[in-house]
Protein backbone atom coordinates (compact mmCIF):
# COMPACT_ATOMS: atom_id res chain seq x y z
CA MET A 1 66.93 129.42 -111.35
CA VAL A 2 66.95 126.17 -109.48
CA VAL A 3 69.16 126.02 -106.27
CA LEU A 4 70.37 122.58 -105.23
CA THR A 5 70.80 122.02 -101.50
CA MET A 6 72.33 119.20 -99.74
CA HIS A 7 72.09 118.27 -95.92
CA ALA A 8 75.57 118.71 -94.16
CA SER A 9 75.49 115.03 -93.15
CA THR A 10 74.79 113.87 -96.76
CA PRO A 11 78.02 112.29 -98.14
CA ILE A 12 79.01 113.65 -101.47
CA ARG A 13 78.78 110.85 -104.25
CA TYR A 14 81.06 110.55 -107.13
CA ALA A 15 80.44 108.61 -110.18
CA GLY A 16 81.37 104.94 -109.51
CA HIS A 17 82.39 105.44 -106.01
CA GLU A 18 80.47 104.74 -102.83
CA PRO A 19 81.16 106.96 -99.69
CA LEU A 20 83.31 105.64 -96.80
CA SER A 21 81.65 104.96 -93.61
CA PRO A 22 83.30 107.31 -90.71
CA THR A 23 85.94 105.53 -88.65
CA PRO A 24 84.53 104.91 -84.99
CA PHE A 25 86.32 107.21 -82.50
CA VAL A 26 87.25 104.08 -80.19
CA ALA A 27 89.21 102.69 -83.20
CA LEU A 28 91.01 105.92 -83.76
CA ALA A 29 91.98 106.14 -80.17
CA VAL A 30 93.28 102.52 -79.93
CA ALA A 31 95.30 103.26 -83.11
CA ALA A 32 96.94 106.38 -81.67
CA ALA A 33 97.78 104.50 -78.34
CA LEU A 34 99.26 101.62 -80.30
CA SER A 35 101.42 104.03 -82.30
CA VAL A 36 102.77 105.90 -79.14
CA ALA A 37 103.40 102.55 -77.50
CA MET A 38 105.48 101.51 -80.41
CA TRP A 39 107.40 104.62 -80.73
CA GLN A 40 108.16 104.40 -76.98
CA LEU A 41 109.26 100.68 -77.25
CA VAL A 42 111.67 101.54 -80.25
CA GLU A 43 113.01 104.47 -78.45
CA ALA A 44 113.45 102.54 -75.16
CA ARG A 45 115.39 99.67 -77.02
CA LEU A 46 117.65 102.25 -78.66
CA GLY A 47 118.26 104.10 -75.34
CA ARG A 48 117.03 107.23 -76.72
CA LEU A 49 114.24 108.36 -74.28
CA THR A 50 114.91 111.84 -72.86
CA HIS A 51 117.31 112.07 -69.99
CA PRO A 52 115.79 112.58 -66.64
CA ALA A 53 117.94 115.72 -66.16
CA HIS A 54 117.06 116.93 -69.72
CA GLY A 55 115.72 120.19 -68.35
CA GLU A 56 118.86 121.02 -66.39
CA MET A 57 121.14 120.00 -69.25
CA VAL A 58 119.54 122.40 -71.72
CA ARG A 59 119.63 125.23 -69.12
CA ALA A 60 123.40 124.61 -68.40
CA ALA A 61 123.98 124.55 -72.15
CA GLN A 62 122.35 127.80 -72.64
CA LYS A 63 124.04 129.20 -69.71
CA MET A 64 127.42 128.30 -71.41
CA GLN A 65 125.95 129.96 -74.70
CA ALA A 66 125.27 133.12 -72.71
CA ALA A 67 128.89 133.17 -71.19
CA THR A 68 130.36 132.56 -74.66
CA GLN A 69 128.66 135.76 -75.85
CA VAL A 70 129.96 137.78 -72.85
CA ALA A 71 133.48 136.25 -73.51
CA ARG A 72 133.36 137.11 -77.06
CA ALA A 73 132.36 140.71 -76.58
CA GLN A 74 135.03 141.14 -73.76
CA ARG A 75 137.85 139.70 -75.94
CA ALA A 76 136.74 141.92 -79.05
CA GLU A 77 136.55 144.99 -76.85
CA LEU A 78 140.19 144.49 -75.86
CA GLY A 79 141.40 143.70 -79.42
CA LEU A 80 142.43 140.09 -78.51
CA SER A 81 139.90 138.00 -80.86
CA GLN A 82 141.81 135.26 -82.34
CA PRO A 83 142.07 134.38 -86.12
CA PRO A 84 139.48 132.02 -87.68
CA ALA A 85 142.17 129.53 -88.10
CA PHE A 86 142.43 129.13 -84.34
CA ASP A 87 138.70 130.11 -83.30
CA PRO A 88 136.43 129.25 -86.38
CA ASN A 89 133.26 129.35 -84.36
CA ARG A 90 134.13 132.83 -83.04
CA THR A 91 133.63 131.82 -79.42
CA GLY A 92 136.12 134.17 -77.75
CA LEU A 93 137.11 131.21 -75.59
CA LEU A 94 140.55 130.85 -77.15
CA GLY A 95 143.58 133.11 -76.35
CA SER A 96 146.82 133.96 -78.02
CA GLU A 97 149.35 131.29 -78.93
CA PHE A 98 152.21 132.35 -76.86
CA THR A 99 152.61 135.14 -74.27
CA GLU A 100 154.54 135.94 -71.15
CA THR A 101 151.87 133.92 -69.03
CA THR A 102 151.97 130.78 -71.34
CA THR A 103 153.13 127.69 -69.47
CA SER A 104 153.26 125.04 -72.04
CA LEU A 105 152.34 123.75 -75.49
CA GLY A 106 148.68 123.31 -76.06
CA ASP A 107 146.31 121.61 -78.65
CA PRO A 108 143.76 124.16 -80.19
CA ALA A 109 141.56 121.56 -81.32
CA ALA A 110 141.14 120.19 -77.70
CA LYS A 111 140.38 123.78 -76.58
CA ARG A 112 137.90 124.25 -79.38
CA THR A 113 136.26 120.98 -78.25
CA ALA A 114 135.67 122.23 -74.85
CA THR A 115 133.84 125.36 -76.09
CA ASN A 116 130.85 123.12 -77.18
CA PRO A 117 127.79 124.07 -74.87
CA ASP A 118 126.92 120.39 -74.91
CA LEU A 119 129.95 119.88 -72.71
CA ALA A 120 127.87 121.63 -69.85
CA ALA A 121 124.97 119.35 -70.45
CA ALA A 122 126.99 116.22 -70.51
CA LEU A 123 128.41 117.32 -67.15
CA VAL A 124 125.02 117.70 -65.84
CA GLY A 125 124.22 114.08 -66.89
CA ARG A 126 127.35 112.76 -65.12
CA ILE A 127 126.83 114.88 -61.92
CA ALA A 128 123.08 113.82 -61.73
CA GLU A 129 124.22 110.28 -61.47
CA LEU A 130 125.64 111.02 -58.16
CA GLU A 131 122.20 112.20 -56.88
CA LEU A 132 123.71 115.15 -54.74
CA ALA A 133 121.54 117.11 -52.60
CA ARG A 134 120.88 120.78 -53.53
CA GLY A 135 123.40 123.01 -51.89
CA THR A 136 126.02 120.19 -51.83
CA PRO A 137 129.49 121.91 -52.02
CA VAL A 138 131.50 120.89 -55.10
CA LEU A 139 135.28 121.47 -55.45
CA VAL A 140 135.90 122.97 -58.91
CA VAL A 141 139.62 123.28 -59.82
CA VAL A 142 140.02 125.23 -63.03
CA SER A 143 142.98 126.37 -65.13
CA GLY A 144 143.50 129.03 -67.62
CA SER A 145 144.25 126.50 -70.27
CA PHE A 146 140.60 125.36 -70.78
CA ILE A 147 138.26 128.44 -70.62
CA GLY A 148 135.42 126.39 -72.22
CA ALA A 149 135.60 123.61 -69.67
CA ASN A 150 135.93 125.90 -66.81
CA ILE A 151 132.68 127.68 -67.79
CA ALA A 152 131.05 124.15 -68.66
CA ALA A 153 131.88 122.92 -65.11
CA ILE A 154 130.67 125.98 -63.32
CA ALA A 155 127.52 126.22 -65.50
CA ALA A 156 126.77 122.46 -64.67
CA VAL A 157 127.17 122.67 -60.90
CA GLU A 158 125.23 125.93 -60.59
CA THR A 159 122.24 124.78 -62.83
CA LEU A 160 121.87 121.76 -60.43
CA GLY A 161 121.76 124.07 -57.45
CA LEU A 162 125.02 122.90 -55.94
CA LYS A 163 127.48 125.04 -54.37
CA PRO A 164 130.85 125.56 -56.35
CA VAL A 165 133.88 126.16 -54.44
CA LEU A 166 136.20 127.36 -57.01
CA ILE A 167 140.09 127.19 -57.02
CA SER A 168 141.90 128.74 -60.06
CA SER A 169 145.26 128.13 -61.71
CA LEU A 170 145.98 131.30 -63.70
CA GLY A 171 148.80 130.14 -66.23
CA ALA A 172 147.75 128.73 -69.38
CA SER A 173 149.03 126.55 -72.07
CA MET A 174 148.75 127.93 -75.79
CA HIS A 175 145.42 129.20 -76.80
CA GLY A 176 144.11 129.31 -73.41
CA ALA A 177 143.67 132.51 -71.22
CA THR A 178 147.27 133.41 -71.96
CA ASP A 179 146.65 137.29 -72.48
CA ALA A 180 147.84 139.26 -69.55
CA ALA A 181 144.96 141.82 -70.05
CA LEU A 182 142.54 138.94 -70.16
CA THR A 183 143.38 136.16 -67.62
CA TRP A 184 140.84 133.59 -66.51
CA LEU A 185 140.16 135.85 -63.31
CA ASP A 186 139.19 138.70 -65.78
CA ILE A 187 136.85 136.41 -67.60
CA GLU A 188 135.31 134.89 -64.43
CA THR A 189 134.69 138.45 -63.07
CA GLU A 190 133.04 139.55 -66.18
CA LEU A 191 130.65 136.58 -66.32
CA ARG A 192 129.80 137.28 -62.69
CA ALA A 193 129.14 140.98 -63.41
CA LYS A 194 126.86 140.08 -66.31
CA GLY A 195 124.97 137.70 -64.06
CA VAL A 196 125.94 134.77 -66.05
CA ILE A 197 127.51 132.72 -63.10
CA ALA A 198 127.70 133.51 -59.50
CA ALA A 199 131.00 131.66 -58.46
CA LYS A 200 133.95 133.51 -57.29
CA SER A 201 137.48 131.91 -56.86
CA ILE A 202 138.26 131.49 -53.22
CA ALA A 203 141.90 131.18 -54.00
CA ALA A 204 144.36 131.09 -56.90
CA VAL A 205 147.73 129.79 -57.91
CA ILE A 206 150.05 131.16 -60.50
CA GLY A 207 150.34 127.84 -62.28
CA GLY A 208 153.14 126.55 -64.32
CA GLY A 209 156.17 124.69 -62.95
CA GLY A 210 155.48 123.88 -59.16
CA GLY A 211 152.32 125.82 -59.32
CA VAL A 212 154.36 129.11 -58.74
CA GLY A 213 155.39 129.94 -62.26
CA GLY A 214 158.42 127.89 -62.64
CA THR A 215 158.03 127.77 -66.38
CA MET A 216 157.29 131.54 -66.71
CA GLY A 217 159.53 134.65 -66.76
CA THR A 218 159.30 137.41 -64.14
CA ASP A 219 156.98 139.47 -66.33
CA GLY A 220 154.27 136.60 -66.48
CA ILE A 221 154.40 136.05 -62.87
CA ALA A 222 154.04 139.70 -62.16
CA ALA A 223 150.99 139.91 -64.54
CA LEU A 224 149.31 137.03 -62.89
CA ARG A 225 149.95 138.30 -59.27
CA ALA A 226 148.51 141.62 -60.52
CA ALA A 227 145.33 139.95 -61.77
CA ALA A 228 144.79 138.32 -58.52
CA ARG A 229 145.29 141.63 -56.63
CA ARG A 230 142.71 143.57 -58.85
CA HIS A 231 139.95 140.77 -58.53
CA GLY A 232 140.64 140.36 -54.75
CA VAL A 233 141.47 136.69 -54.82
CA PRO A 234 144.09 135.38 -52.35
CA LEU A 235 147.15 134.08 -54.16
CA VAL A 236 148.68 130.77 -52.70
CA GLU A 237 152.44 130.59 -53.37
CA ASN A 238 153.60 128.04 -50.83
CA ARG A 239 156.68 125.84 -51.49
CA PRO A 240 157.35 123.00 -52.15
CA VAL A 241 154.52 121.56 -54.09
CA GLU A 242 153.22 119.52 -51.35
CA ALA A 243 152.83 122.61 -49.04
CA LEU A 244 150.97 124.33 -51.79
CA ILE A 245 148.61 121.57 -52.35
CA ASP A 246 148.13 121.14 -48.52
CA ARG A 247 147.20 124.81 -48.46
CA LEU A 248 144.54 124.48 -51.27
CA TYR A 249 143.10 121.46 -49.85
CA THR A 250 142.60 123.10 -46.50
CA LEU A 251 141.19 126.21 -47.93
CA GLY A 252 138.79 124.19 -50.28
CA ALA A 253 137.55 122.18 -47.30
CA ALA A 254 137.00 125.24 -45.16
CA ALA A 255 135.02 126.96 -47.80
CA ALA A 256 132.95 123.91 -48.36
CA GLY A 257 131.95 123.90 -44.84
CA ASP A 258 131.86 120.14 -45.03
CA ARG A 259 133.17 117.45 -47.03
CA PRO A 260 132.50 118.30 -50.74
CA GLY A 261 130.28 115.74 -52.62
CA LEU A 262 132.53 115.95 -55.67
CA LEU A 263 135.69 117.42 -57.32
CA ILE A 264 135.66 118.63 -60.88
CA ASN A 265 139.01 119.67 -62.68
CA SER A 266 139.50 121.46 -65.81
CA GLY A 267 142.96 121.37 -67.27
CA GLY A 268 146.21 120.07 -66.22
CA SER A 269 147.45 122.22 -63.36
CA VAL A 270 149.86 121.18 -60.89
CA ALA A 271 147.36 121.98 -58.33
CA ALA A 272 144.92 119.31 -59.61
CA LEU A 273 147.40 116.72 -60.84
CA GLY A 274 150.53 117.31 -58.60
CA THR A 275 153.63 116.19 -60.08
CA CYS A 276 152.57 112.65 -60.72
CA ALA A 277 154.01 111.04 -63.88
CA ASN A 278 150.44 109.49 -64.69
CA GLY A 279 148.54 112.67 -64.12
CA ALA A 280 147.72 113.06 -67.77
CA THR A 281 146.23 109.65 -68.07
CA LEU A 282 143.68 109.80 -65.25
CA PRO A 283 140.16 108.95 -66.41
CA PRO A 284 137.33 111.42 -67.22
CA MET A 285 135.24 110.08 -64.28
CA THR A 286 136.24 108.28 -61.08
CA ARG A 287 133.66 106.84 -58.76
CA GLY A 288 134.36 104.50 -55.80
CA GLN A 289 137.98 104.05 -57.17
CA VAL A 290 141.18 105.11 -55.23
CA LEU A 291 143.54 106.71 -57.68
CA THR A 292 147.44 106.52 -57.19
CA CYS A 293 150.16 108.95 -57.95
CA THR A 294 153.19 107.45 -59.84
CA ASP A 295 156.63 109.03 -59.03
CA GLY A 296 155.54 112.43 -57.75
CA THR A 297 153.53 114.46 -55.35
CA PRO A 298 149.78 113.91 -55.54
CA GLY A 299 147.49 116.83 -56.48
CA LEU A 300 143.93 117.57 -55.49
CA ILE A 301 142.53 114.95 -57.73
CA VAL A 302 144.33 111.94 -56.07
CA ARG A 303 143.75 113.33 -52.62
CA ALA A 304 139.97 113.59 -53.40
CA SER A 305 139.86 110.04 -54.56
CA ASN A 306 141.59 108.81 -51.50
CA ALA A 307 138.98 110.64 -49.46
CA ASP A 308 136.27 108.56 -51.48
CA MET A 309 135.13 111.66 -53.32
CA PRO A 310 133.95 111.32 -56.98
CA VAL A 311 136.04 113.11 -59.47
CA LEU A 312 135.37 114.51 -62.99
CA HIS A 313 138.62 115.10 -64.88
CA LEU A 314 138.39 117.30 -67.99
CA LEU A 315 141.76 117.17 -69.72
CA ASN A 316 142.04 114.56 -72.54
CA MET A 317 139.29 116.05 -74.52
CA ARG A 318 139.62 113.54 -77.44
CA ALA A 319 138.97 110.65 -75.21
CA LEU A 320 136.44 112.51 -73.21
CA ALA A 321 134.47 113.36 -76.28
CA ALA A 322 134.51 109.85 -77.47
CA ASP A 323 133.39 108.53 -74.18
CA TRP A 324 130.49 110.99 -73.73
CA GLY A 325 129.36 111.20 -77.24
CA LEU A 326 130.51 114.78 -78.04
CA PRO A 327 132.10 115.78 -81.55
CA PHE A 328 135.68 116.42 -81.46
CA ASP A 329 136.52 119.87 -82.68
CA PRO A 330 133.23 120.56 -84.32
CA VAL A 331 132.73 123.44 -86.79
CA PRO A 332 130.18 124.73 -86.39
CA LEU A 333 129.14 124.21 -82.88
CA PRO A 334 126.21 121.79 -82.49
CA MET A 335 122.58 122.98 -81.86
CA VAL A 336 121.74 122.79 -78.05
CA GLY A 337 119.65 119.64 -77.25
CA ASN A 338 120.12 117.95 -80.61
CA ASN A 339 122.75 115.32 -79.58
CA ARG A 340 120.76 112.33 -78.29
CA ALA A 341 124.10 110.64 -77.07
CA VAL A 342 124.11 113.53 -74.45
CA TYR A 343 120.55 114.34 -73.97
CA GLY A 344 118.84 110.98 -74.39
CA MET A 345 118.41 108.27 -71.72
CA PRO A 346 121.90 106.86 -70.58
CA PRO A 347 122.16 103.20 -71.48
CA LYS A 348 121.43 100.51 -68.83
CA PRO A 349 124.67 99.05 -67.55
CA ARG A 350 125.13 95.44 -68.82
CA GLN A 351 124.35 92.51 -66.74
CA ARG A 352 127.58 90.42 -66.04
């Protein structure tokens, strides 16, 4: 038997074809470098390079995902899970339509939009623009109306190493934290107990008319007072509205230890908006702009802007979603890190 052997470096020849010469390494390296350069050029022109705060954005969104899992389990344990028609993504971040602690009408689509973990990432991007030093106090005013936005705000602030100073309005519009057995303070406490967040409310108001339950019955007011007591949160019930907001502003400033670097508001509480007729039309982000109050008593948002404090205002979710590149009422919820409008490089401001 004859065994044919071939040296390893000998190219195999096929009938009618000559072997190709190996491509020099230098040529391969140059081609690879040009390919990467072209990719970066295209991405840069599209404004899609990774955001400088991409890591923090992903961590904040993941923190919100963890909070959603805790809230879902807590709601299910109490038998308060909502039907798929209201909570199709099974987040556990929507409450009952109408109860004794409901303050007003509410749009479930807006509340579902606020359950998107990418909202926490988008907030990180907006806060990062302010270049606040780690440890800077941030006044966070939350409402029972938008559980998802409350969690997103806290997740963003804590992920960036800032200090949240939390003030809570306990009443809620429809499909918020409307269940007396599962108020916002109950959710906040459970998230803290599970190690998802560290923040605890320094003060609370009942919410509703005048910030003191003016649109609720006595049973609802009693339920929210009981919630504040069981969680050891001081309840502010000063009257009139101006005195209530004065007290909250003083408490917030004292807890911050210095001038807060930012105010974030979630929802449409009297504490945040006051009784201003234009409160619902305030923009999602205010920086270097003094807001005014039309026909009423200014709340914490207007006071903060008058003190030259940046404000992030999470209320008009449809407008906010369009402005920040978030889907409105998404089903299912998007995959974290997959939305380039949120996680990509922010577009450069146009030259004028």
